[in-house]
């Protein structure tokens, strides 16, 4: 009897609501603070920056389920559901008794999970009468998704792409322009924030924090324009829960339930998207599932950061957010997983980590690419460098099962493919990549600039 490889939902089985974990958390995320007054911010305080519905979702602590607008659901059906896949050949290569599954978010036309939030954010902007949107992007997956979603809803999009990844992954900026967006390398000379950063450090290669500063500044100085964000914030993770809600149904089709859930971690959107629907059973029912966020060891906010109120950007334009942070001025190494080069963790994940409901592991760059190549050679998919971190963490867990003999069920998120990341694979195969580390002394120096500590 042949073994079933993949599990796919029909269109009428796609979830019609997002899951809001904030409603179920025993300890709610602490509120964002106005950096001037130090007072907690309300949803309406965020209206100048974000679409009003996104601002309301950001601070919604009451509604467990939020309806997906029909217009967004119709667009989701272009590419959802995405497959849940049993990684039989990876299991065989590892000689592990573990059952390994992955949610394949690389199958949609944009190549990553980011479109799941780009569509609702642009929809809410259009519904409100907004005409322009701005955003940042690291590796470019979010920039591509936002550029496409903006075009679908008739919006003009401006994207600030981290300068080093614009050079590492030029085809992603080309794709954004193909969808009609304007693209600027960050830091740039087009904003006050960018000029200040370049003045301080003319060779600054950029970070998500610098790009966020520039995108927010442009949004605040452009009429009828709103800022959109690809990760970190709670409403982004909310939209991404479509991933985990589908995976729940698909795991039931497979007749199994995950003992371990793993995703790579930059700001938290794909981790929360997969993990939060399963975590609700841990919170409400005491389900004994382990949740692991895999971050680069060169940007280790979960494993070595400090829980504090910090800015979400480099220039201090955002509210103060309660997060595990390396400091908003942290300058990450030029690793190829550009989407993971962010100094802080989202507020929900930070609270869950503080409460011991999940934990982080840090992955060296070379280990991540070794894992990515093994996955490519067994499962036939070249993963994005970000996703390689989740694969590396999965391999670690599968090897533990080999040593213990446990037949655990492991589920990870393949958040995107790496077909536009081939120069980084070429460098790895040629032996030209290296590991990066960050010293405790450097982290301590960056943390001196954190404006408000939490005891």
Protein backbone atom coordinates (compact mmCIF):
# COMPACT_ATOMS: atom_id res chain seq x y z
CA UNK A 1 0.00 0.00 0.00
CA UNK A 2 1.46 3.35 -1.04
CA UNK A 3 2.01 6.02 1.58
CA UNK A 4 0.27 9.38 1.20
CA UNK A 5 2.81 12.14 0.58
CA UNK A 6 0.78 15.35 0.68
CA UNK A 7 -2.50 16.55 2.15
CA UNK A 8 -4.49 19.34 0.47
CA UNK A 9 -7.74 21.02 1.50
CA UNK A 10 -10.44 21.82 -1.02
CA UNK A 11 -11.44 25.47 -1.48
CA UNK A 12 -14.57 25.03 0.64
CA UNK A 13 -12.40 23.71 3.50
CA UNK A 14 -10.13 26.77 3.70
CA UNK A 15 -10.58 28.51 7.10
CA UNK A 16 -12.79 31.59 6.96
CA UNK A 17 -11.50 33.19 10.18
CA UNK A 18 -8.09 34.09 11.57
CA UNK A 19 -7.14 33.03 15.10
CA UNK A 20 -6.28 35.79 17.61
CA UNK A 21 -4.10 34.19 20.28
CA UNK A 22 -4.11 37.39 22.35
CA UNK A 23 -7.66 36.61 23.46
CA UNK A 24 -6.54 33.29 24.99
CA UNK A 25 -3.23 34.30 26.55
CA UNK A 26 -3.19 34.20 30.35
CA UNK A 27 -0.64 37.00 30.41
CA UNK A 28 -1.54 39.48 27.69
CA UNK A 29 1.19 41.31 25.79
CA UNK A 30 2.08 44.59 27.47
CA UNK A 31 0.79 47.64 25.55
CA UNK A 32 2.89 49.75 23.21
CA UNK A 33 3.93 53.05 24.76
CA UNK A 34 3.99 56.56 23.37
CA UNK A 35 7.73 57.34 23.45
CA UNK A 36 7.06 60.95 24.43
CA UNK A 37 4.54 60.49 27.25
CA UNK A 38 5.32 56.86 28.18
CA UNK A 39 1.55 56.28 28.23
CA UNK A 40 -0.07 53.13 26.79
CA UNK A 41 -1.31 53.62 23.25
CA UNK A 42 -4.85 52.91 22.04
CA UNK A 43 -5.81 51.69 18.58
CA UNK A 44 -6.75 55.19 17.47
CA UNK A 45 -3.24 56.38 18.34
CA UNK A 46 -1.97 54.10 15.56
CA UNK A 47 -4.41 55.37 12.92
CA UNK A 48 -1.96 57.94 11.48
CA UNK A 49 0.44 55.14 10.53
CA UNK A 50 -1.66 52.04 9.81
CA UNK A 51 -4.98 51.21 8.23
CA UNK A 52 -7.58 51.65 10.95
CA UNK A 53 -8.74 48.02 10.91
CA UNK A 54 -5.15 46.79 11.22
CA UNK A 55 -4.66 49.12 14.21
CA UNK A 56 -7.78 47.70 15.87
CA UNK A 57 -6.63 44.12 15.23
CA UNK A 58 -3.21 44.97 16.65
CA UNK A 59 -4.58 45.65 20.14
CA UNK A 60 -7.59 43.30 20.13
CA UNK A 61 -7.38 41.23 23.32
CA UNK A 62 -11.02 40.05 23.28
CA UNK A 63 -12.03 38.38 20.02
CA UNK A 64 -10.67 34.85 19.63
CA UNK A 65 -11.76 34.63 15.99
CA UNK A 66 -11.76 37.41 13.38
CA UNK A 67 -13.60 36.97 10.08
CA UNK A 68 -11.53 37.00 6.91
CA UNK A 69 -13.17 39.53 4.55
CA UNK A 70 -14.81 37.88 1.54
CA UNK A 71 -12.64 39.91 -0.85
CA UNK A 72 -9.49 38.61 0.86
CA UNK A 73 -10.77 35.04 1.01
CA UNK A 74 -11.44 35.16 -2.73
CA UNK A 75 -7.80 36.16 -3.31
CA UNK A 76 -6.56 33.47 -0.91
CA UNK A 77 -8.27 30.90 -3.13
CA UNK A 78 -5.83 31.78 -5.93
CA UNK A 79 -3.20 29.74 -4.09
CA UNK A 80 -4.67 28.21 -0.90
CA UNK A 81 -4.71 25.70 0.54
CA UNK A 82 -0.99 25.04 0.53
CA UNK A 83 0.11 21.42 0.90
CA UNK A 84 1.07 19.66 4.10
CA UNK A 85 3.82 17.24 3.07
CA UNK A 86 5.35 14.20 4.79
CA UNK A 87 9.13 14.36 4.31
CA UNK A 88 9.70 10.61 3.91
CA UNK A 89 13.00 10.97 2.04
CA UNK A 90 14.40 13.43 4.57
CA UNK A 91 13.44 10.99 7.32
CA UNK A 92 15.24 8.20 5.46
CA UNK A 93 18.37 10.29 4.94
CA UNK A 94 18.47 11.09 8.65
CA UNK A 95 17.69 7.47 9.62
CA UNK A 96 15.28 8.85 12.22
CA UNK A 97 12.12 7.32 13.68
CA UNK A 98 10.60 10.82 13.76
CA UNK A 99 7.70 11.62 11.42
CA UNK A 100 8.57 14.91 9.72
CA UNK A 101 5.92 17.09 8.07
CA UNK A 102 6.26 20.51 6.49
CA UNK A 103 3.70 23.13 5.50
CA UNK A 104 4.76 24.21 2.03
CA UNK A 105 4.14 27.96 1.76
CA UNK A 106 6.48 28.15 -1.25
CA UNK A 107 3.80 26.95 -3.67
CA UNK A 108 1.98 30.27 -4.04
CA UNK A 109 2.92 32.51 -7.01
CA UNK A 110 4.90 34.91 -4.79
CA UNK A 111 7.04 32.09 -3.40
CA UNK A 112 6.58 32.72 0.34
CA UNK A 113 4.03 33.07 3.15
CA UNK A 114 4.19 36.88 3.07
CA UNK A 115 1.23 37.30 0.70
CA UNK A 116 -1.09 36.02 3.47
CA UNK A 117 -0.85 39.39 5.24
CA UNK A 118 -0.12 41.63 2.24
CA UNK A 119 -3.60 40.94 0.84
CA UNK A 120 -5.62 41.94 3.93
CA UNK A 121 -3.42 44.95 4.70
CA UNK A 122 -3.89 46.32 1.17
CA UNK A 123 -7.60 45.45 1.26
CA UNK A 124 -8.12 47.41 4.49
CA UNK A 125 -6.17 50.36 3.06
CA UNK A 126 -8.25 50.37 -0.12
CA UNK A 127 -11.51 50.06 1.84
CA UNK A 128 -10.47 53.10 3.89
CA UNK A 129 -9.78 55.16 0.76
CA UNK A 130 -6.00 55.09 1.02
CA UNK A 131 -4.17 55.49 -2.31
CA UNK A 132 -0.51 54.83 -1.40
CA UNK A 133 1.30 52.32 0.80
CA UNK A 134 4.91 52.12 1.94
CA UNK A 135 6.89 49.28 3.45
CA UNK A 136 10.31 47.85 4.17
CA UNK A 137 11.68 44.49 3.06
CA UNK A 138 14.71 42.46 4.03
CA UNK A 139 15.36 39.63 1.61
CA UNK A 140 12.52 40.86 -0.58
CA UNK A 141 9.78 38.28 -0.06
CA UNK A 142 7.56 40.79 1.73
CA UNK A 143 8.34 43.51 -0.79
CA UNK A 144 7.25 41.23 -3.64
CA UNK A 145 4.06 40.26 -1.84
CA UNK A 146 3.14 43.83 -0.92
CA UNK A 147 3.88 45.09 -4.45
CA UNK A 148 1.58 42.46 -5.95
CA UNK A 149 -1.20 42.95 -3.38
CA UNK A 150 -1.06 46.72 -3.84
CA UNK A 151 -1.50 46.34 -7.58
CA UNK A 152 -4.47 43.98 -7.07
CA UNK A 153 -6.24 46.62 -4.98
CA UNK A 154 -5.23 49.61 -7.10
CA UNK A 155 -2.69 51.12 -4.69
CA UNK A 156 0.69 52.70 -5.37
CA UNK A 157 3.51 51.00 -3.43
CA UNK A 158 6.93 52.26 -2.38
CA UNK A 159 9.40 49.73 -0.96
CA UNK A 160 12.62 50.31 0.97
CA UNK A 161 14.79 47.20 0.58
CA UNK A 162 17.73 46.63 2.91
CA UNK A 163 20.73 47.70 0.87
CA UNK A 164 22.85 44.58 1.32
CA UNK A 165 20.03 42.25 0.27
CA UNK A 166 19.16 44.46 -2.69
CA UNK A 167 22.66 43.63 -3.95
CA UNK A 168 22.52 39.97 -2.82
CA UNK A 169 19.10 39.34 -4.39
CA UNK A 170 18.63 41.80 -7.27
CA UNK A 171 15.87 39.79 -8.95
CA UNK A 172 13.55 40.38 -6.00
CA UNK A 173 13.71 44.14 -6.51
CA UNK A 174 13.15 43.53 -10.22
CA UNK A 175 10.04 41.51 -9.37
CA UNK A 176 8.73 44.35 -7.17
CA UNK A 177 9.18 46.77 -10.06
CA UNK A 178 7.49 44.29 -12.39
CA UNK A 179 4.44 44.51 -10.12
CA UNK A 180 4.56 48.31 -10.35
CA UNK A 181 6.27 49.33 -7.10
CA UNK A 182 9.12 51.78 -6.68
CA UNK A 183 12.15 50.33 -4.86
CA UNK A 184 14.88 52.15 -2.94
CA UNK A 185 17.91 50.65 -1.21
CA UNK A 186 18.02 51.46 2.52
CA UNK A 187 19.57 53.45 4.04
CA UNK A 188 19.00 55.98 1.27
CA UNK A 189 19.33 59.73 0.80
CA UNK A 190 15.60 60.08 0.09
CA UNK A 191 14.52 60.47 3.75
CA UNK A 192 15.76 62.34 6.78
CA UNK A 193 16.18 59.04 8.63
CA UNK A 194 18.28 57.59 5.82
CA UNK A 195 20.48 60.67 5.56
CA UNK A 196 21.11 60.62 9.30
CA UNK A 197 22.10 56.95 9.24
CA UNK A 198 24.44 57.44 6.27
CA UNK A 199 25.98 60.52 7.92
CA UNK A 200 26.77 58.48 11.04
CA UNK A 201 27.94 55.43 9.08
CA UNK A 202 28.59 56.00 5.35
CA UNK A 203 29.22 52.26 4.83
CA UNK A 204 26.06 51.08 6.60
CA UNK A 205 24.76 48.03 4.72
CA UNK A 206 21.23 48.45 6.04
CA UNK A 207 18.91 46.56 8.34
CA UNK A 208 15.19 46.04 8.68
CA UNK A 209 15.28 48.70 11.38
CA UNK A 210 16.71 51.32 9.00
CA UNK A 211 14.26 50.38 6.24
CA UNK A 212 11.30 50.60 8.63
CA UNK A 213 12.37 54.11 9.66
CA UNK A 214 12.45 55.27 6.04
CA UNK A 215 9.14 53.64 5.11
CA UNK A 216 7.36 55.16 8.14
CA UNK A 217 8.81 58.60 7.40
CA UNK A 218 7.59 58.42 3.80
CA UNK A 219 4.14 57.31 4.93
CA UNK A 220 3.91 60.17 7.44
CA UNK A 221 4.95 62.78 4.86
CA UNK A 222 2.90 61.52 1.88
CA UNK A 223 -0.79 62.46 1.62
CA UNK A 224 -3.31 59.60 1.84
CA UNK A 225 -0.58 57.05 2.51
CA UNK A 226 -0.26 54.26 5.10
CA UNK A 227 2.60 52.11 6.28
CA UNK A 228 2.38 48.32 5.99
CA UNK A 229 4.56 45.80 7.78
CA UNK A 230 5.56 42.26 6.88
CA UNK A 231 6.25 40.82 10.33
CA UNK A 232 6.71 41.67 14.05
CA UNK A 233 3.32 43.26 14.72
CA UNK A 234 0.39 41.31 16.12
CA UNK A 235 -2.03 41.92 13.25
CA UNK A 236 0.51 40.47 10.81
CA UNK A 237 0.81 37.26 12.83
CA UNK A 238 -3.00 37.19 13.03
CA UNK A 239 -3.31 37.11 9.25
CA UNK A 240 -0.64 34.41 9.01
CA UNK A 241 -2.61 32.00 11.24
CA UNK A 242 -4.29 30.80 8.05
CA UNK A 243 -1.15 28.60 7.80
CA UNK A 244 -1.58 26.83 11.12
CA UNK A 245 -5.36 26.60 10.84
CA UNK A 246 -4.98 24.75 7.55
CA UNK A 247 -2.21 22.60 9.01
CA UNK A 248 -4.49 21.56 11.90
CA UNK A 249 -7.02 20.16 9.45
CA UNK A 250 -4.32 18.55 7.33
CA UNK A 251 -2.60 16.90 10.30
CA UNK A 252 -5.97 15.40 11.18
CA UNK A 253 -6.18 14.06 7.62
CA UNK A 254 -2.78 12.45 8.20
CA UNK A 255 -4.02 10.96 11.48
CA UNK A 256 -1.28 12.61 13.54
CA UNK A 257 -0.69 15.61 15.83
CA UNK A 258 2.63 17.42 16.19
CA UNK A 259 4.80 16.88 19.25
CA UNK A 260 7.08 19.66 18.02
CA UNK A 261 6.31 22.74 15.89
CA UNK A 262 9.22 24.64 14.34
CA UNK A 263 9.60 27.76 12.20
CA UNK A 264 12.38 30.20 11.39
CA UNK A 265 12.29 33.50 13.23
CA UNK A 266 12.92 37.08 12.17
CA UNK A 267 10.10 39.13 13.67
CA UNK A 268 7.64 36.29 14.18
CA UNK A 269 5.07 36.23 11.38
CA UNK A 270 5.66 32.77 9.92
CA UNK A 271 6.43 31.29 13.35
CA UNK A 272 3.20 32.70 14.80
CA UNK A 273 1.28 31.79 11.66
CA UNK A 274 2.08 28.11 12.04
CA UNK A 275 2.44 27.86 15.82
CA UNK A 276 -0.38 29.96 17.31
CA UNK A 277 -3.31 27.74 16.22
CA UNK A 278 -1.57 24.73 17.77
CA UNK A 279 -0.47 26.72 20.82
CA UNK A 280 -4.08 27.49 21.71
CA UNK A 281 -4.47 23.81 22.61
CA UNK A 282 -1.45 24.09 24.90
CA UNK A 283 -2.88 27.21 26.56
CA UNK A 284 -6.50 26.05 26.84
CA UNK A 285 -6.14 22.26 27.12
CA UNK A 286 -2.61 21.67 28.38
CA UNK A 287 -1.56 19.89 25.18
CA UNK A 288 2.08 18.88 25.53
CA UNK A 289 3.49 20.35 22.31
CA UNK A 290 6.94 21.93 22.05
CA UNK A 291 7.37 25.16 20.06
CA UNK A 292 10.78 26.11 18.68
CA UNK A 293 11.72 29.36 16.91
CA UNK A 294 14.94 29.08 14.89
CA UNK A 295 16.90 32.32 14.58
CA UNK A 296 20.38 33.05 13.15
CA UNK A 297 23.12 33.01 15.76
CA UNK A 298 24.32 36.34 14.37
CA UNK A 299 21.00 37.99 15.36
CA UNK A 300 20.04 36.17 18.58
CA UNK A 301 17.30 38.26 20.19
CA UNK A 302 15.37 35.24 21.54
CA UNK A 303 18.38 33.42 22.94
CA UNK A 304 20.56 36.34 24.04
CA UNK A 305 18.40 39.46 23.89
CA UNK A 306 16.81 41.44 26.71
CA UNK A 307 13.09 41.85 27.43
CA UNK A 308 12.57 45.60 27.30
CA UNK A 309 10.57 48.42 25.76
CA UNK A 310 12.38 49.33 22.56
CA UNK A 311 11.72 50.99 19.23
CA UNK A 312 10.77 48.79 16.30
CA UNK A 313 12.99 50.85 13.97
CA UNK A 314 16.46 52.37 14.02
CA UNK A 315 15.44 56.03 14.16
CA UNK A 316 12.83 55.86 16.92
CA UNK A 317 9.74 56.60 14.82
CA UNK A 318 7.66 53.68 16.11
CA UNK A 319 5.95 53.32 19.48
CA UNK A 320 7.95 51.61 22.21
CA UNK A 321 7.23 47.88 21.99
CA UNK A 322 7.70 45.29 24.77
CA UNK A 323 10.04 42.84 23.09
CA UNK A 324 13.09 40.68 23.37
CA UNK A 325 15.59 42.94 21.70
CA UNK A 326 19.25 43.40 20.85
CA UNK A 327 18.73 47.17 20.77
CA UNK A 328 17.18 49.16 17.94
CA UNK A 329 20.60 50.33 16.76
CA UNK A 330 21.87 46.75 16.44
CA UNK A 331 23.74 46.28 13.18
CA UNK A 332 23.28 42.69 11.99
CA UNK A 333 25.88 40.73 10.07
CA UNK A 334 25.44 40.42 6.31
CA UNK A 335 24.00 36.90 6.36
CA UNK A 336 21.98 35.69 3.38
CA UNK A 337 18.82 35.08 5.39
CA UNK A 338 17.88 38.73 4.99
CA UNK A 339 14.38 38.28 6.41
CA UNK A 340 15.83 37.24 9.79
CA UNK A 341 18.13 40.25 10.28
CA UNK A 342 15.86 42.09 12.73
CA UNK A 343 16.80 43.31 16.19
CA UNK A 344 13.57 42.48 18.05
CA UNK A 345 10.82 39.90 18.48
CA UNK A 346 7.10 40.62 18.16
CA UNK A 347 5.21 41.46 21.35
CA UNK A 348 3.12 38.25 21.37
CA UNK A 349 6.11 35.96 20.88
CA UNK A 350 8.08 37.91 23.46
CA UNK A 351 5.38 37.34 26.07
CA UNK A 352 5.04 33.66 25.15
CA UNK A 353 8.80 33.24 25.46
CA UNK A 354 8.80 35.03 28.82
CA UNK A 355 6.02 32.67 30.00
CA UNK A 356 7.94 29.56 28.92
CA UNK A 357 5.43 28.44 26.28
CA UNK A 358 8.12 28.31 23.57
CA UNK A 359 11.85 28.74 23.19
CA UNK A 360 14.41 29.84 20.65
CA UNK A 361 17.46 28.15 19.17
CA UNK A 362 20.21 29.89 17.23
CA UNK A 363 21.56 28.43 14.01
CA UNK A 364 24.94 29.26 12.41
CA UNK A 365 24.79 30.27 8.74
CA UNK A 366 26.79 27.27 7.47
CA UNK A 367 24.63 24.78 9.37
CA UNK A 368 21.52 26.37 7.87
CA UNK A 369 22.81 25.98 4.30
CA UNK A 370 23.95 22.41 4.95
CA UNK A 371 20.40 21.65 6.09
CA UNK A 372 18.94 23.42 3.06
CA UNK A 373 21.00 21.35 0.64
CA UNK A 374 20.06 18.09 2.37
CA UNK A 375 16.40 19.09 2.13
CA UNK A 376 16.79 20.00 -1.56
CA UNK A 377 18.48 16.69 -2.34
CA UNK A 378 15.83 14.64 -0.55
CA UNK A 379 12.57 16.54 -1.02
CA UNK A 380 13.33 18.31 -4.31
CA UNK A 381 12.71 21.88 -3.09
CA UNK A 382 15.47 24.48 -2.75
CA UNK A 383 14.41 26.40 0.38
CA UNK A 384 14.81 30.10 1.10
CA UNK A 385 17.82 30.80 3.38
CA UNK A 386 15.35 31.85 6.09
CA UNK A 387 13.53 28.50 5.89
CA UNK A 388 16.87 26.69 6.08
CA UNK A 389 17.03 27.70 9.74
CA UNK A 390 13.77 25.86 10.44
CA UNK A 391 15.06 22.83 8.55
CA UNK A 392 18.30 22.87 10.57
CA UNK A 393 16.33 22.98 13.84
CA UNK A 394 14.13 20.13 12.55
CA UNK A 395 17.20 18.04 11.74
CA UNK A 396 18.52 18.63 15.25
CA UNK A 397 15.23 17.38 16.73
CA UNK A 398 15.10 14.39 14.36
CA UNK A 399 18.63 13.41 15.37
CA UNK A 400 17.60 13.53 19.02
CA UNK A 401 14.81 11.09 18.14
CA UNK A 402 17.35 8.80 16.47
CA UNK A 403 19.42 8.78 19.65
CA UNK A 404 16.43 8.22 21.96
CA UNK A 405 14.38 5.98 19.68
CA UNK A 406 11.32 8.25 20.11
CA UNK A 407 8.84 8.37 17.21
CA UNK A 408 7.96 12.04 17.58
CA UNK A 409 5.87 13.98 15.07
CA UNK A 410 7.69 17.13 13.94
CA UNK A 411 5.98 19.88 11.92
CA UNK A 412 7.90 22.78 10.42
CA UNK A 413 7.05 25.69 8.16
CA UNK A 414 8.74 25.85 4.77
CA UNK A 415 8.04 29.58 4.57
CA UNK A 416 9.42 30.07 1.06
CA UNK A 417 11.55 28.71 -1.78
CA UNK A 418 15.07 29.85 -2.62
CA UNK A 419 14.95 30.02 -6.39
CA UNK A 420 15.84 33.73 -6.32
CA UNK A 421 18.55 33.04 -3.73
CA UNK A 422 20.83 30.96 -5.93
CA UNK A 423 23.87 33.28 -5.61
CA UNK A 424 23.95 32.50 -1.89
CA UNK A 425 23.81 28.75 -2.59
CA UNK A 426 26.56 29.16 -5.16
CA UNK A 427 28.75 30.88 -2.58
CA UNK A 428 28.05 28.11 -0.06
CA UNK A 429 28.79 25.31 -2.55
CA UNK A 430 32.01 27.10 -3.57
CA UNK A 431 33.10 27.41 0.07
CA UNK A 432 32.87 31.20 0.10
CA UNK A 433 30.34 31.59 2.94
CA UNK A 434 31.30 31.82 6.59
CA UNK A 435 29.65 31.87 9.98
CA UNK A 436 29.15 35.09 11.90
CA UNK A 437 28.83 35.54 15.63
CA UNK A 438 28.07 38.47 17.87
CA UNK A 439 29.89 38.89 21.16
CA UNK A 440 28.26 39.46 24.53
CA UNK A 441 30.18 42.73 24.71
CA UNK A 442 28.70 43.96 21.43
CA UNK A 443 25.17 43.01 22.54
CA UNK A 444 25.69 44.82 25.87
CA UNK A 445 26.83 47.95 24.02
CA UNK A 446 23.78 47.94 21.74
CA UNK A 447 21.46 47.36 24.71
CA UNK A 448 22.75 50.53 26.36
CA UNK A 449 20.62 52.44 23.84
CA UNK A 450 17.36 50.67 24.80
CA UNK A 451 15.13 53.45 26.14
CA UNK A 452 13.00 51.59 28.72
CA UNK A 453 13.88 48.38 30.53
CA UNK A 454 11.32 45.98 32.01
CA UNK A 455 12.10 44.33 35.32
